[in-house]
Amino acid sequence: MLNRHGAREMAVMTVTAAAIAVPAVALGHPLLAVAAGLALVAGLAFFRDPPRRLPDGLAPGDLISPADGVIHAVERMSAHPALPPELGGDVLVIRVFLSVLNVHVNRSPADGTVRSVTPREGAYLDARKPEAARRNASVLTVLDLGASAPHPGRPVGIRQITGLVARRIVCPLEPGDALARGERFGLIKFGSSTELIVPLELAPEARVEVGDRVRAGRTVLATIGG
């Protein structure tokens, strides 16, 4: 299953691969055609969108990972570089780094309603660098928790961050949109980071550590208190 938001790139890759492979075969260079085919498969794999089922036994306050990848930061901070007033103050930030090999589809960490979607201009530093989270371009989605959560109506943030190669964030959400926990909501193209941002007033407890591998829609990143 491939994500529809990669349709343009997939079309370009397919045409390019065909433009290389067909003449290569005609001119007696089958290895070049094979290489073009393998490159196409690798490119299409970036846009794979496997089905995911929420894990069994979830608690109402469990917040699911919005991205596949490796945990790069679990930190509490009082001043986040991209926070709007509703997320101001002390927060828990859990950052997931996505390599080009990871599934890049983003999923909602909780049931809720979109309060705001805020793009922010910035740099395109390597997402593995600590300063990338502070300086890179990003899109911050603020989600008001649903009625089943311990703090209904309170906001949490999901921030999609660009990287050195990833320069296009797909986030078609609009204020008022409803999301279910684990539902697809966006995509970052070609290597990046995604943050889950939880105000400390919700008494969040981190359930992961730096270095842990996580999966969107499957791994619990944090649990908020009742």
C-alpha atoms as a PDB file:
ATOM      1  CA  MET A   1       0.000   0.000   0.000  1.00  0.00           C
ATOM      2  CA  LEU A   2       1.412   3.390  -1.047  1.00  0.00           C
ATOM      3  CA  ASN A   3       0.476   6.780   0.358  1.00  0.00           C
ATOM      4  CA  ARG A   4      -1.493   9.024  -1.994  1.00  0.00           C
ATOM      5  CA  HIS A   5       0.501  12.097  -0.983  1.00  0.00           C
ATOM      6  CA  GLY A   6       3.495  10.702  -2.874  1.00  0.00           C
ATOM      7  CA  ALA A   7       1.653  10.377  -6.198  1.00  0.00           C
ATOM      8  CA  ARG A   8       3.632  13.109  -7.956  1.00  0.00           C
ATOM      9  CA  GLU A   9       7.023  11.833  -6.856  1.00  0.00           C
ATOM     10  CA  MET A  10       6.093   8.233  -7.662  1.00  0.00           C
ATOM     11  CA  ALA A  11       4.988   9.234 -11.164  1.00  0.00           C
ATOM     12  CA  VAL A  12       8.263  11.072 -11.782  1.00  0.00           C
ATOM     13  CA  MET A  13      10.310   8.130 -10.512  1.00  0.00           C
ATOM     14  CA  THR A  14       8.381   5.666 -12.668  1.00  0.00           C
ATOM     15  CA  VAL A  15       8.776   7.729 -15.842  1.00  0.00           C
ATOM     16  CA  THR A  16      12.470   8.291 -15.125  1.00  0.00           C
ATOM     17  CA  ALA A  17      13.114   4.604 -14.500  1.00  0.00           C
ATOM     18  CA  ALA A  18      11.286   3.657 -17.706  1.00  0.00           C
ATOM     19  CA  ALA A  19      13.216   6.281 -19.680  1.00  0.00           C
ATOM     20  CA  ILE A  20      16.454   4.674 -18.514  1.00  0.00           C
ATOM     21  CA  ALA A  21      15.465   1.013 -18.604  1.00  0.00           C
ATOM     22  CA  VAL A  22      13.837   0.811 -22.039  1.00  0.00           C
ATOM     23  CA  PRO A  23      16.785   2.284 -24.017  1.00  0.00           C
ATOM     24  CA  ALA A  24      19.213   0.329 -21.821  1.00  0.00           C
ATOM     25  CA  VAL A  25      17.604  -2.973 -22.808  1.00  0.00           C
ATOM     26  CA  ALA A  26      17.408  -1.942 -26.455  1.00  0.00           C
ATOM     27  CA  LEU A  27      21.090  -1.046 -26.481  1.00  0.00           C
ATOM     28  CA  GLY A  28      22.135  -4.253 -24.748  1.00  0.00           C
ATOM     29  CA  HIS A  29      22.760  -2.938 -21.225  1.00  0.00           C
ATOM     30  CA  PRO A  30      20.451  -5.070 -19.052  1.00  0.00           C
ATOM     31  CA  LEU A  31      22.364  -4.306 -15.852  1.00  0.00           C
ATOM     32  CA  LEU A  32      21.571  -0.616 -16.254  1.00  0.00           C
ATOM     33  CA  ALA A  33      17.903  -1.501 -16.661  1.00  0.00           C
ATOM     34  CA  VAL A  34      18.037  -3.638 -13.519  1.00  0.00           C
ATOM     35  CA  ALA A  35      19.662  -0.788 -11.604  1.00  0.00           C
ATOM     36  CA  ALA A  36      16.921   1.589 -12.740  1.00  0.00           C
ATOM     37  CA  GLY A  37      14.298  -0.915 -11.612  1.00  0.00           C
ATOM     38  CA  LEU A  38      15.894  -1.336  -8.211  1.00  0.00           C
ATOM     39  CA  ALA A  39      16.125   2.431  -7.771  1.00  0.00           C
ATOM     40  CA  LEU A  40      12.421   2.689  -8.598  1.00  0.00           C
ATOM     41  CA  VAL A  41      11.512   0.027  -6.048  1.00  0.00           C
ATOM     42  CA  ALA A  42      13.582   1.820  -3.394  1.00  0.00           C
ATOM     43  CA  GLY A  43      11.913   5.123  -4.207  1.00  0.00           C
ATOM     44  CA  LEU A  44       8.416   3.661  -4.091  1.00  0.00           C
ATOM     45  CA  ALA A  45       9.240   1.968  -0.781  1.00  0.00           C
ATOM     46  CA  PHE A  46       9.678   5.388   0.793  1.00  0.00           C
ATOM     47  CA  PHE A  47       5.960   6.051   0.268  1.00  0.00           C
ATOM     48  CA  ARG A  48       4.795   2.729   1.671  1.00  0.00           C
ATOM     49  CA  ASP A  49       1.820   3.020   3.959  1.00  0.00           C
ATOM     50  CA  PRO A  50       1.272  -0.252   5.822  1.00  0.00           C
ATOM     51  CA  PRO A  51      -1.995  -0.759   7.719  1.00  0.00           C
ATOM     52  CA  ARG A  52      -1.638  -0.431  11.478  1.00  0.00           C
ATOM     53  CA  ARG A  53      -3.866  -1.679  14.276  1.00  0.00           C
ATOM     54  CA  LEU A  54      -3.770  -0.020  17.684  1.00  0.00           C
ATOM     55  CA  PRO A  55      -2.167  -2.191  20.378  1.00  0.00           C
ATOM     56  CA  ASP A  56      -4.436  -4.072  22.752  1.00  0.00           C
ATOM     57  CA  GLY A  57      -4.994  -2.811  26.272  1.00  0.00           C
ATOM     58  CA  LEU A  58      -4.575   0.919  25.647  1.00  0.00           C
ATOM     59  CA  ALA A  59      -5.455   3.186  28.559  1.00  0.00           C
ATOM     60  CA  PRO A  60      -7.519   6.360  27.892  1.00  0.00           C
ATOM     61  CA  GLY A  61      -4.466   8.511  28.619  1.00  0.00           C
ATOM     62  CA  ASP A  62      -2.003   6.659  26.382  1.00  0.00           C
ATOM     63  CA  LEU A  63      -0.517   8.833  23.630  1.00  0.00           C
ATOM     64  CA  ILE A  64       0.611   6.877  20.576  1.00  0.00           C
ATOM     65  CA  SER A  65       3.722   7.676  18.560  1.00  0.00           C
ATOM     66  CA  PRO A  66       2.961   9.973  15.609  1.00  0.00           C
ATOM     67  CA  ALA A  67       5.923   8.594  13.626  1.00  0.00           C
ATOM     68  CA  ASP A  68       8.143   5.597  12.959  1.00  0.00           C
ATOM     69  CA  GLY A  69      11.802   5.916  13.887  1.00  0.00           C
ATOM     70  CA  VAL A  70      14.207   6.242  16.807  1.00  0.00           C
ATOM     71  CA  ILE A  71      13.685   8.360  19.919  1.00  0.00           C
ATOM     72  CA  HIS A  72      16.232  11.197  19.832  1.00  0.00           C
ATOM     73  CA  ALA A  73      15.030  13.225  22.818  1.00  0.00           C
ATOM     74  CA  VAL A  74      12.835  12.904  25.891  1.00  0.00           C
ATOM     75  CA  GLU A  75      13.036  16.209  27.698  1.00  0.00           C
ATOM     76  CA  ARG A  76      11.128  18.671  29.793  1.00  0.00           C
ATOM     77  CA  MET A  77      11.444  22.306  28.839  1.00  0.00           C
ATOM     78  CA  SER A  78       9.913  25.620  29.780  1.00  0.00           C
ATOM     79  CA  ALA A  79      10.460  27.422  26.507  1.00  0.00           C
ATOM     80  CA  HIS A  80       9.832  25.551  23.274  1.00  0.00           C
ATOM     81  CA  PRO A  81      10.923  27.368  20.074  1.00  0.00           C
ATOM     82  CA  ALA A  82       7.658  26.780  18.229  1.00  0.00           C
ATOM     83  CA  LEU A  83       4.967  26.755  20.902  1.00  0.00           C
ATOM     84  CA  PRO A  84       1.786  28.828  20.577  1.00  0.00           C
ATOM     85  CA  PRO A  85       0.257  30.366  23.729  1.00  0.00           C
ATOM     86  CA  GLU A  86      -2.019  27.376  24.328  1.00  0.00           C
ATOM     87  CA  LEU A  87       1.017  25.111  24.693  1.00  0.00           C
ATOM     88  CA  GLY A  88       3.146  27.646  26.516  1.00  0.00           C
ATOM     89  CA  GLY A  89       4.746  26.879  29.839  1.00  0.00           C
ATOM     90  CA  ASP A  90       6.418  23.658  30.876  1.00  0.00           C
ATOM     91  CA  VAL A  91       6.085  20.752  28.459  1.00  0.00           C
ATOM     92  CA  LEU A  92       7.333  17.227  27.867  1.00  0.00           C
ATOM     93  CA  VAL A  93       8.848  16.872  24.389  1.00  0.00           C
ATOM     94  CA  ILE A  94       9.458  13.453  22.844  1.00  0.00           C
ATOM     95  CA  ARG A  95      11.260  13.655  19.497  1.00  0.00           C
ATOM     96  CA  VAL A  96      11.321  10.848  16.918  1.00  0.00           C
ATOM     97  CA  PHE A  97      13.984  10.830  14.183  1.00  0.00           C
ATOM     98  CA  LEU A  98      12.963   9.243  10.882  1.00  0.00           C
ATOM     99  CA  SER A  99      15.624   7.988   8.471  1.00  0.00           C
ATOM    100  CA  VAL A 100      14.898   7.576   4.762  1.00  0.00           C
ATOM    101  CA  LEU A 101      14.279   3.876   5.475  1.00  0.00           C
ATOM    102  CA  ASN A 102      11.377   4.490   7.866  1.00  0.00           C
ATOM    103  CA  VAL A 103       7.699   4.691   7.014  1.00  0.00           C
ATOM    104  CA  HIS A 104       7.037   8.444   6.859  1.00  0.00           C
ATOM    105  CA  VAL A 105       3.277   8.503   7.363  1.00  0.00           C
ATOM    106  CA  ASN A 106       2.274  10.466  10.486  1.00  0.00           C
ATOM    107  CA  ARG A 107      -0.557   9.287  12.741  1.00  0.00           C
ATOM    108  CA  SER A 108      -2.552  10.999  15.460  1.00  0.00           C
ATOM    109  CA  PRO A 109      -1.409  10.274  19.035  1.00  0.00           C
ATOM    110  CA  ALA A 110      -4.933  10.569  20.456  1.00  0.00           C
ATOM    111  CA  ASP A 111      -8.600  11.078  19.709  1.00  0.00           C
ATOM    112  CA  GLY A 112      -9.289  14.767  19.379  1.00  0.00           C
ATOM    113  CA  THR A 113     -10.157  17.847  17.359  1.00  0.00           C
ATOM    114  CA  VAL A 114      -7.642  20.012  15.530  1.00  0.00           C
ATOM    115  CA  ARG A 115      -7.394  23.427  17.159  1.00  0.00           C
ATOM    116  CA  SER A 116      -4.740  24.936  14.894  1.00  0.00           C
ATOM    117  CA  VAL A 117      -2.173  24.111  12.214  1.00  0.00           C
ATOM    118  CA  THR A 118       0.793  26.493  12.147  1.00  0.00           C
ATOM    119  CA  PRO A 119       3.578  26.363   9.521  1.00  0.00           C
ATOM    120  CA  ARG A 120       6.895  27.895  10.550  1.00  0.00           C
ATOM    121  CA  GLU A 121       9.675  28.888   8.167  1.00  0.00           C
ATOM    122  CA  GLY A 122      13.229  27.923   8.992  1.00  0.00           C
ATOM    123  CA  ALA A 123      16.401  26.129   7.972  1.00  0.00           C
ATOM    124  CA  TYR A 124      16.935  22.622   6.572  1.00  0.00           C
ATOM    125  CA  LEU A 125      19.653  21.271   8.831  1.00  0.00           C
ATOM    126  CA  ASP A 126      20.347  17.566   9.246  1.00  0.00           C
ATOM    127  CA  ALA A 127      17.496  16.394  11.517  1.00  0.00           C
ATOM    128  CA  ARG A 128      19.998  14.495  13.685  1.00  0.00           C
ATOM    129  CA  LYS A 129      21.619  17.729  14.848  1.00  0.00           C
ATOM    130  CA  PRO A 130      20.288  19.073  18.166  1.00  0.00           C
ATOM    131  CA  GLU A 131      19.837  22.583  16.749  1.00  0.00           C
ATOM    132  CA  ALA A 132      17.631  21.272  13.914  1.00  0.00           C
ATOM    133  CA  ALA A 133      14.612  21.040  16.214  1.00  0.00           C
ATOM    134  CA  ARG A 134      15.048  24.698  17.102  1.00  0.00           C
ATOM    135  CA  ARG A 135      15.936  26.123  13.694  1.00  0.00           C
ATOM    136  CA  ASN A 136      14.325  23.981  11.003  1.00  0.00           C
ATOM    137  CA  ALA A 137      11.078  24.653   9.174  1.00  0.00           C
ATOM    138  CA  SER A 138       8.128  22.855  10.726  1.00  0.00           C
ATOM    139  CA  VAL A 139       4.378  22.485  10.980  1.00  0.00           C
ATOM    140  CA  LEU A 140       2.804  22.397  14.442  1.00  0.00           C
ATOM    141  CA  THR A 141      -0.637  20.861  14.867  1.00  0.00           C
ATOM    142  CA  VAL A 142      -2.424  21.493  18.154  1.00  0.00           C
ATOM    143  CA  LEU A 143      -4.952  18.793  19.001  1.00  0.00           C
ATOM    144  CA  ASP A 144      -7.624  19.198  21.669  1.00  0.00           C
ATOM    145  CA  LEU A 145      -8.025  15.861  23.440  1.00  0.00           C
ATOM    146  CA  GLY A 146     -11.298  13.999  22.969  1.00  0.00           C
ATOM    147  CA  ALA A 147     -13.957  13.175  25.531  1.00  0.00           C
ATOM    148  CA  SER A 148     -12.443   9.785  26.365  1.00  0.00           C
ATOM    149  CA  ALA A 149      -9.090  11.273  27.470  1.00  0.00           C
ATOM    150  CA  PRO A 150      -8.339  12.113  31.123  1.00  0.00           C
ATOM    151  CA  HIS A 151      -8.234  15.854  30.255  1.00  0.00           C
ATOM    152  CA  PRO A 152     -10.800  16.384  27.481  1.00  0.00           C
ATOM    153  CA  GLY A 153     -10.414  19.636  25.605  1.00  0.00           C
ATOM    154  CA  ARG A 154      -6.818  20.189  26.742  1.00  0.00           C
ATOM    155  CA  PRO A 155      -4.214  20.579  23.981  1.00  0.00           C
ATOM    156  CA  VAL A 156      -1.264  18.457  22.928  1.00  0.00           C
ATOM    157  CA  GLY A 157       1.060  19.242  20.034  1.00  0.00           C
ATOM    158  CA  ILE A 158       2.450  17.268  17.116  1.00  0.00           C
ATOM    159  CA  ARG A 159       5.287  19.017  15.275  1.00  0.00           C
ATOM    160  CA  GLN A 160       6.524  17.800  11.889  1.00  0.00           C
ATOM    161  CA  ILE A 161      10.081  19.042  11.291  1.00  0.00           C
ATOM    162  CA  THR A 162      12.027  19.163   8.041  1.00  0.00           C
ATOM    163  CA  GLY A 163      15.542  17.774   7.596  1.00  0.00           C
ATOM    164  CA  LEU A 164      18.503  18.081   5.266  1.00  0.00           C
ATOM    165  CA  VAL A 165      16.741  16.170   2.489  1.00  0.00           C
ATOM    166  CA  ALA A 166      13.144  16.360   3.721  1.00  0.00           C
ATOM    167  CA  ARG A 167      11.868  19.717   2.522  1.00  0.00           C
ATOM    168  CA  ARG A 168       8.186  19.121   2.076  1.00  0.00           C
ATOM    169  CA  ILE A 169       5.742  18.589   4.910  1.00  0.00           C
ATOM    170  CA  VAL A 170       2.306  17.302   4.006  1.00  0.00           C
ATOM    171  CA  CYS A 171      -0.369  18.237   6.551  1.00  0.00           C
ATOM    172  CA  PRO A 172      -3.819  18.694   4.998  1.00  0.00           C
ATOM    173  CA  LEU A 173      -5.510  19.186   8.366  1.00  0.00           C
ATOM    174  CA  GLU A 174      -7.675  22.208   9.140  1.00  0.00           C
ATOM    175  CA  PRO A 175      -9.060  23.554  12.431  1.00  0.00           C
ATOM    176  CA  GLY A 176     -12.144  21.611  13.426  1.00  0.00           C
ATOM    177  CA  ASP A 177     -11.049  18.331  11.833  1.00  0.00           C
ATOM    178  CA  ALA A 178     -11.632  15.289  14.033  1.00  0.00           C
ATOM    179  CA  LEU A 179      -8.901  12.668  14.384  1.00  0.00           C
ATOM    180  CA  ALA A 180      -8.995   9.211  15.891  1.00  0.00           C
ATOM    181  CA  ARG A 181      -6.043   7.762  17.768  1.00  0.00           C
ATOM    182  CA  GLY A 182      -3.752   6.140  15.206  1.00  0.00           C
ATOM    183  CA  GLU A 183      -5.414   7.829  12.209  1.00  0.00           C
ATOM    184  CA  ARG A 184      -3.166   9.004   9.349  1.00  0.00           C
ATOM    185  CA  PHE A 185      -2.879  12.771   9.077  1.00  0.00           C
ATOM    186  CA  GLY A 186       0.272  13.688   7.147  1.00  0.00           C
ATOM    187  CA  LEU A 187       3.661  12.865   5.709  1.00  0.00           C
ATOM    188  CA  ILE A 188       7.189  14.303   5.657  1.00  0.00           C
ATOM    189  CA  LYS A 189       9.108  13.542   2.498  1.00  0.00           C
ATOM    190  CA  PHE A 190      12.602  12.012   2.793  1.00  0.00           C
ATOM    191  CA  GLY A 191      14.015  11.943   6.341  1.00  0.00           C
ATOM    192  CA  SER A 192      12.934  14.187   9.189  1.00  0.00           C
ATOM    193  CA  SER A 193      11.769  14.425  12.823  1.00  0.00           C
ATOM    194  CA  THR A 194       8.391  14.485  14.536  1.00  0.00           C
ATOM    195  CA  GLU A 195       7.716  15.713  18.068  1.00  0.00           C
ATOM    196  CA  LEU A 196       4.991  14.927  20.543  1.00  0.00           C
ATOM    197  CA  ILE A 197       4.546  17.913  22.896  1.00  0.00           C
ATOM    198  CA  VAL A 198       2.544  17.474  26.108  1.00  0.00           C
ATOM    199  CA  PRO A 199       1.964  20.222  28.713  1.00  0.00           C
ATOM    200  CA  LEU A 200       3.247  19.135  32.129  1.00  0.00           C
ATOM    201  CA  GLU A 201      -0.056  20.192  33.673  1.00  0.00           C
ATOM    202  CA  LEU A 202      -1.468  16.993  32.126  1.00  0.00           C
ATOM    203  CA  ALA A 203       0.969  14.992  34.302  1.00  0.00           C
ATOM    204  CA  PRO A 204       2.546  13.082  31.400  1.00  0.00           C
ATOM    205  CA  GLU A 205       4.764  10.075  32.059  1.00  0.00           C
ATOM    206  CA  ALA A 206       7.232   9.159  29.318  1.00  0.00           C
ATOM    207  CA  ARG A 207       7.040   5.504  28.313  1.00  0.00           C
ATOM    208  CA  VAL A 208      10.120   5.496  26.058  1.00  0.00           C
ATOM    209  CA  GLU A 209      13.803   6.357  26.321  1.00  0.00           C
ATOM    210  CA  VAL A 210      16.390   7.797  23.943  1.00  0.00           C
ATOM    211  CA  GLY A 211      17.434   5.107  21.486  1.00  0.00           C
ATOM    212  CA  ASP A 212      14.138   3.203  21.518  1.00  0.00           C
ATOM    213  CA  ARG A 213      12.644   2.274  18.150  1.00  0.00           C
ATOM    214  CA  VAL A 214       8.989   3.216  17.804  1.00  0.00           C
ATOM    215  CA  ARG A 215       6.181   2.755  15.293  1.00  0.00           C
ATOM    216  CA  ALA A 216       3.416   5.203  14.456  1.00  0.00           C
ATOM    217  CA  GLY A 217       0.049   3.992  15.639  1.00  0.00           C
ATOM    218  CA  ARG A 218       1.603   1.152  17.662  1.00  0.00           C
ATOM    219  CA  THR A 219       4.037   2.444  20.316  1.00  0.00           C
ATOM    220  CA  VAL A 220       2.883   4.340  23.403  1.00  0.00           C
ATOM    221  CA  LEU A 221       5.185   7.357  23.891  1.00  0.00           C
ATOM    222  CA  ALA A 222       3.585   8.812  27.012  1.00  0.00           C
ATOM    223  CA  THR A 223       0.634   8.450  29.343  1.00  0.00           C
ATOM    224  CA  ILE A 224      -1.186  11.459  30.759  1.00  0.00           C
ATOM    225  CA  GLY A 225      -2.514  11.377  34.302  1.00  0.00           C
ATOM    226  CA  GLY A 226      -6.142  11.371  35.374  1.00  0.00           C
END
